[in-house]
Amino acid sequence: MRESLLREAESVLEEWLRARGEAPTSETSEGFRLLALHRQGARGVPSFNACRETCREIAYHYNLLGESDEKAKYREDMMAFWWST
């Protein structure tokens, strides 16, 4: 599930870049393509920095979902809920 949620977030930024006539990068930043896509999208568009924290939150939750412990299912459900709102 965490992979599909991360890919969904990446697809939103890919569309933003395509709408601006740019080819989405395949690079990563801090281990995440999502953060590299954000960096690319923010170039020349200062207001786009507003979504930076959201991208970092998604990366944070992605990492949390990778931990296996008794709360893993709870975190997965919460991320799915958060993403659906």
N, C-alpha and C. Protein backbone atom coordinates (compact mmCIF):
# COMPACT_ATOMS: atom_id res chain seq x y z
N MET A 1 0.83 -1.20 0.00
CA MET A 1 0.00 0.00 0.00
C MET A 1 0.87 1.26 0.00
N ARG A 2 1.95 1.25 0.76
CA ARG A 2 2.75 2.47 0.83
C ARG A 2 3.35 2.83 -0.52
N GLU A 3 3.69 1.82 -1.32
CA GLU A 3 4.22 2.09 -2.66
C GLU A 3 3.17 2.77 -3.53
N SER A 4 1.94 2.27 -3.49
CA SER A 4 0.90 2.84 -4.34
C SER A 4 0.56 4.27 -3.92
N LEU A 5 0.58 4.57 -2.63
CA LEU A 5 0.30 5.93 -2.17
C LEU A 5 1.43 6.89 -2.59
N LEU A 6 2.66 6.41 -2.52
CA LEU A 6 3.79 7.24 -2.94
C LEU A 6 3.71 7.50 -4.45
N ARG A 7 3.40 6.47 -5.22
CA ARG A 7 3.28 6.63 -6.68
C ARG A 7 2.15 7.59 -7.04
N GLU A 8 1.07 7.53 -6.29
CA GLU A 8 -0.05 8.45 -6.53
C GLU A 8 0.39 9.89 -6.32
N ALA A 9 1.12 10.13 -5.26
CA ALA A 9 1.63 11.49 -4.99
C ALA A 9 2.58 11.93 -6.09
N GLU A 10 3.44 11.03 -6.54
CA GLU A 10 4.37 11.36 -7.62
C GLU A 10 3.61 11.70 -8.90
N SER A 11 2.53 10.98 -9.17
CA SER A 11 1.78 11.22 -10.40
C SER A 11 1.17 12.62 -10.42
N VAL A 12 0.79 13.13 -9.26
CA VAL A 12 0.24 14.49 -9.19
C VAL A 12 1.31 15.50 -9.61
N LEU A 13 2.51 15.34 -9.11
CA LEU A 13 3.58 16.26 -9.48
C LEU A 13 4.02 16.08 -10.92
N GLU A 14 3.98 14.84 -11.41
CA GLU A 14 4.30 14.60 -12.82
C GLU A 14 3.35 15.37 -13.72
N GLU A 15 2.07 15.35 -13.39
CA GLU A 15 1.08 16.08 -14.19
C GLU A 15 1.31 17.59 -14.13
N TRP A 16 1.68 18.09 -12.96
CA TRP A 16 1.99 19.51 -12.81
C TRP A 16 3.13 19.89 -13.76
N LEU A 17 4.15 19.05 -13.79
CA LEU A 17 5.30 19.33 -14.65
C LEU A 17 4.93 19.25 -16.12
N ARG A 18 4.18 18.23 -16.49
CA ARG A 18 3.77 18.10 -17.89
C ARG A 18 2.91 19.28 -18.33
N ALA A 19 2.07 19.77 -17.43
CA ALA A 19 1.22 20.93 -17.74
C ALA A 19 2.07 22.17 -18.01
N ARG A 20 3.25 22.20 -17.42
CA ARG A 20 4.18 23.32 -17.64
C ARG A 20 5.11 23.05 -18.81
N GLY A 21 4.92 21.91 -19.49
CA GLY A 21 5.75 21.59 -20.65
C GLY A 21 7.10 20.98 -20.30
N GLU A 22 7.23 20.46 -19.08
CA GLU A 22 8.50 19.85 -18.66
C GLU A 22 8.36 18.34 -18.58
N ALA A 23 9.46 17.67 -18.83
CA ALA A 23 9.50 16.22 -18.66
C ALA A 23 9.85 15.93 -17.20
N PRO A 24 9.04 15.13 -16.50
CA PRO A 24 9.33 14.81 -15.09
C PRO A 24 10.68 14.10 -14.94
N THR A 25 11.41 14.49 -13.94
CA THR A 25 12.73 13.91 -13.68
C THR A 25 12.61 12.47 -13.17
N SER A 26 13.66 11.73 -13.37
CA SER A 26 13.74 10.38 -12.79
C SER A 26 14.73 10.38 -11.63
N GLU A 27 15.27 11.54 -11.33
CA GLU A 27 16.22 11.69 -10.22
C GLU A 27 15.53 11.52 -8.88
N THR A 28 16.32 11.41 -7.82
CA THR A 28 15.79 11.39 -6.46
C THR A 28 16.45 12.49 -5.65
N SER A 29 15.79 12.88 -4.60
CA SER A 29 16.33 13.83 -3.64
C SER A 29 16.07 13.25 -2.26
N GLU A 30 17.11 13.11 -1.48
CA GLU A 30 17.00 12.51 -0.15
C GLU A 30 16.35 11.12 -0.22
N GLY A 31 16.59 10.42 -1.33
CA GLY A 31 16.08 9.07 -1.50
C GLY A 31 14.68 8.97 -2.05
N PHE A 32 14.06 10.10 -2.40
CA PHE A 32 12.68 10.09 -2.89
C PHE A 32 12.58 10.82 -4.22
N ARG A 33 11.94 10.17 -5.17
CA ARG A 33 11.65 10.84 -6.44
C ARG A 33 10.63 11.95 -6.22
N LEU A 34 9.71 11.74 -5.30
CA LEU A 34 8.70 12.74 -4.99
C LEU A 34 9.34 14.09 -4.65
N LEU A 35 10.37 14.06 -3.83
CA LEU A 35 11.04 15.31 -3.44
C LEU A 35 11.80 15.93 -4.61
N ALA A 36 12.34 15.09 -5.48
CA ALA A 36 13.01 15.62 -6.68
C ALA A 36 12.00 16.24 -7.63
N LEU A 37 10.84 15.62 -7.76
CA LEU A 37 9.78 16.20 -8.61
C LEU A 37 9.32 17.55 -8.05
N HIS A 38 9.21 17.62 -6.73
CA HIS A 38 8.83 18.90 -6.13
C HIS A 38 9.88 19.97 -6.41
N ARG A 39 11.13 19.61 -6.23
CA ARG A 39 12.21 20.57 -6.48
C ARG A 39 12.16 21.07 -7.92
N GLN A 40 11.95 20.14 -8.85
CA GLN A 40 11.86 20.51 -10.25
C GLN A 40 10.66 21.44 -10.49
N GLY A 41 9.53 21.12 -9.90
CA GLY A 41 8.32 21.92 -10.10
C GLY A 41 8.41 23.30 -9.48
N ALA A 42 9.18 23.42 -8.41
CA ALA A 42 9.29 24.70 -7.71
C ALA A 42 10.25 25.67 -8.40
N ARG A 43 11.07 25.17 -9.29
CA ARG A 43 12.02 26.02 -9.99
C ARG A 43 11.27 27.10 -10.79
N GLY A 44 11.47 28.33 -10.42
CA GLY A 44 10.83 29.44 -11.13
C GLY A 44 9.40 29.73 -10.71
N VAL A 45 8.88 28.96 -9.75
CA VAL A 45 7.51 29.16 -9.29
C VAL A 45 7.53 29.17 -7.76
N PRO A 46 7.89 30.29 -7.15
CA PRO A 46 8.04 30.34 -5.70
C PRO A 46 6.80 29.87 -4.92
N SER A 47 5.62 30.12 -5.44
CA SER A 47 4.41 29.72 -4.72
C SER A 47 4.27 28.20 -4.64
N PHE A 48 4.95 27.48 -5.51
CA PHE A 48 4.88 26.02 -5.49
C PHE A 48 5.58 25.45 -4.26
N ASN A 49 6.41 26.24 -3.62
CA ASN A 49 7.08 25.78 -2.40
C ASN A 49 6.07 25.47 -1.29
N ALA A 50 4.86 25.97 -1.42
CA ALA A 50 3.84 25.72 -0.40
C ALA A 50 3.54 24.22 -0.26
N CYS A 51 3.72 23.45 -1.30
CA CYS A 51 3.42 22.02 -1.20
C CYS A 51 4.63 21.22 -0.72
N ARG A 52 5.73 21.89 -0.43
CA ARG A 52 6.94 21.19 0.02
C ARG A 52 6.69 20.38 1.29
N GLU A 53 6.03 20.98 2.25
CA GLU A 53 5.78 20.28 3.51
C GLU A 53 4.88 19.06 3.30
N THR A 54 3.92 19.17 2.40
CA THR A 54 3.07 18.02 2.11
C THR A 54 3.90 16.89 1.52
N CYS A 55 4.79 17.21 0.61
CA CYS A 55 5.66 16.19 0.02
C CYS A 55 6.55 15.54 1.10
N ARG A 56 7.07 16.34 2.00
CA ARG A 56 7.90 15.81 3.06
C ARG A 56 7.09 14.95 4.03
N GLU A 57 5.83 15.33 4.27
CA GLU A 57 4.95 14.52 5.11
C GLU A 57 4.69 13.16 4.48
N ILE A 58 4.47 13.15 3.18
CA ILE A 58 4.25 11.88 2.47
C ILE A 58 5.49 11.00 2.58
N ALA A 59 6.67 11.58 2.40
CA ALA A 59 7.90 10.81 2.54
C ALA A 59 8.05 10.27 3.97
N TYR A 60 7.72 11.09 4.94
CA TYR A 60 7.79 10.68 6.34
C TYR A 60 6.86 9.49 6.61
N HIS A 61 5.62 9.59 6.14
CA HIS A 61 4.66 8.51 6.36
C HIS A 61 5.05 7.25 5.59
N TYR A 62 5.63 7.43 4.44
CA TYR A 62 6.13 6.29 3.67
C TYR A 62 7.15 5.52 4.52
N ASN A 63 8.05 6.25 5.14
CA ASN A 63 9.05 5.61 6.00
C ASN A 63 8.41 4.95 7.21
N LEU A 64 7.43 5.62 7.81
CA LEU A 64 6.73 5.03 8.95
C LEU A 64 6.06 3.71 8.58
N LEU A 65 5.45 3.68 7.41
CA LEU A 65 4.77 2.46 6.98
C LEU A 65 5.74 1.31 6.73
N GLY A 66 7.00 1.64 6.55
CA GLY A 66 8.01 0.61 6.34
C GLY A 66 8.44 -0.08 7.61
N GLU A 67 8.13 0.52 8.74
CA GLU A 67 8.48 -0.09 10.03
C GLU A 67 7.48 -1.19 10.34
N SER A 68 7.97 -2.31 10.79
CA SER A 68 7.03 -3.38 11.14
C SER A 68 6.99 -3.51 12.66
N ASP A 69 5.86 -3.18 13.18
CA ASP A 69 5.61 -3.32 14.61
C ASP A 69 4.11 -3.45 14.82
N GLU A 70 3.66 -3.43 16.04
CA GLU A 70 2.24 -3.65 16.32
C GLU A 70 1.34 -2.51 15.82
N LYS A 71 1.91 -1.35 15.50
CA LYS A 71 1.10 -0.23 15.04
C LYS A 71 1.15 -0.03 13.53
N ALA A 72 1.77 -0.94 12.81
CA ALA A 72 1.94 -0.78 11.36
C ALA A 72 0.59 -0.69 10.64
N LYS A 73 -0.35 -1.56 10.97
CA LYS A 73 -1.66 -1.56 10.33
C LYS A 73 -2.41 -0.25 10.62
N TYR A 74 -2.33 0.23 11.84
CA TYR A 74 -2.96 1.50 12.21
C TYR A 74 -2.40 2.65 11.37
N ARG A 75 -1.08 2.71 11.25
CA ARG A 75 -0.46 3.78 10.46
C ARG A 75 -0.86 3.69 9.00
N GLU A 76 -0.94 2.48 8.48
CA GLU A 76 -1.35 2.30 7.09
C GLU A 76 -2.78 2.80 6.88
N ASP A 77 -3.67 2.46 7.78
CA ASP A 77 -5.06 2.92 7.68
C ASP A 77 -5.14 4.44 7.78
N MET A 78 -4.35 5.03 8.66
CA MET A 78 -4.37 6.49 8.83
C MET A 78 -3.84 7.19 7.58
N MET A 79 -2.80 6.65 6.98
CA MET A 79 -2.26 7.28 5.77
C MET A 79 -3.27 7.18 4.63
N ALA A 80 -3.93 6.04 4.50
CA ALA A 80 -4.94 5.89 3.47
C ALA A 80 -6.09 6.87 3.69
N PHE A 81 -6.49 7.05 4.95
CA PHE A 81 -7.55 8.01 5.27
C PHE A 81 -7.10 9.43 4.94
N TRP A 82 -5.89 9.77 5.36
CA TRP A 82 -5.35 11.12 5.12
C TRP A 82 -5.30 11.41 3.63
N TRP A 83 -4.86 10.44 2.86
CA TRP A 83 -4.70 10.64 1.43
C TRP A 83 -6.05 10.77 0.73
N SER A 84 -7.09 10.12 1.30
CA SER A 84 -8.41 10.15 0.65
C SER A 84 -9.19 11.41 0.95
N THR A 85 -8.73 12.22 1.91
CA THR A 85 -9.49 13.43 2.27
C THR A 85 -9.11 14.60 1.41
